[in-house]
Amino acid sequence: MLSPDERTPAELERRIAGIWRDVLGDGADRAGATFLELHGQSISAVRIVARIEDELGLDVDVATLFEDPDLRTFVGMVLTGSSPGA
């Protein structure tokens, strides 16, 4: 878990992006590629959400990933606490 000093928006964004790339693998750093375009499935969605919650202490609704965001949009949704349909 990150310390309060490490919980800057830039550090959170960096860590979320790292989790996204680690779970989704090759091509995950392609600009504009969405979760589903990267062959994201329910198991990868659960892995991403679990790691963000465990490692960063942020609550994320797994349904957010099925709104098919790209990385930039997903990071923004996580940081603002947005949920699907909100």
Foldseek 3Di string as FASTA:
>chain_A
DDDPVQPDLVNLLVVLLVLQCVLLDPPLPPPFQWCVNSVHDLVSLVSSQVCCCVVVVFHDDSCQSVVTGRSVVVSVCRVVVNDPPD
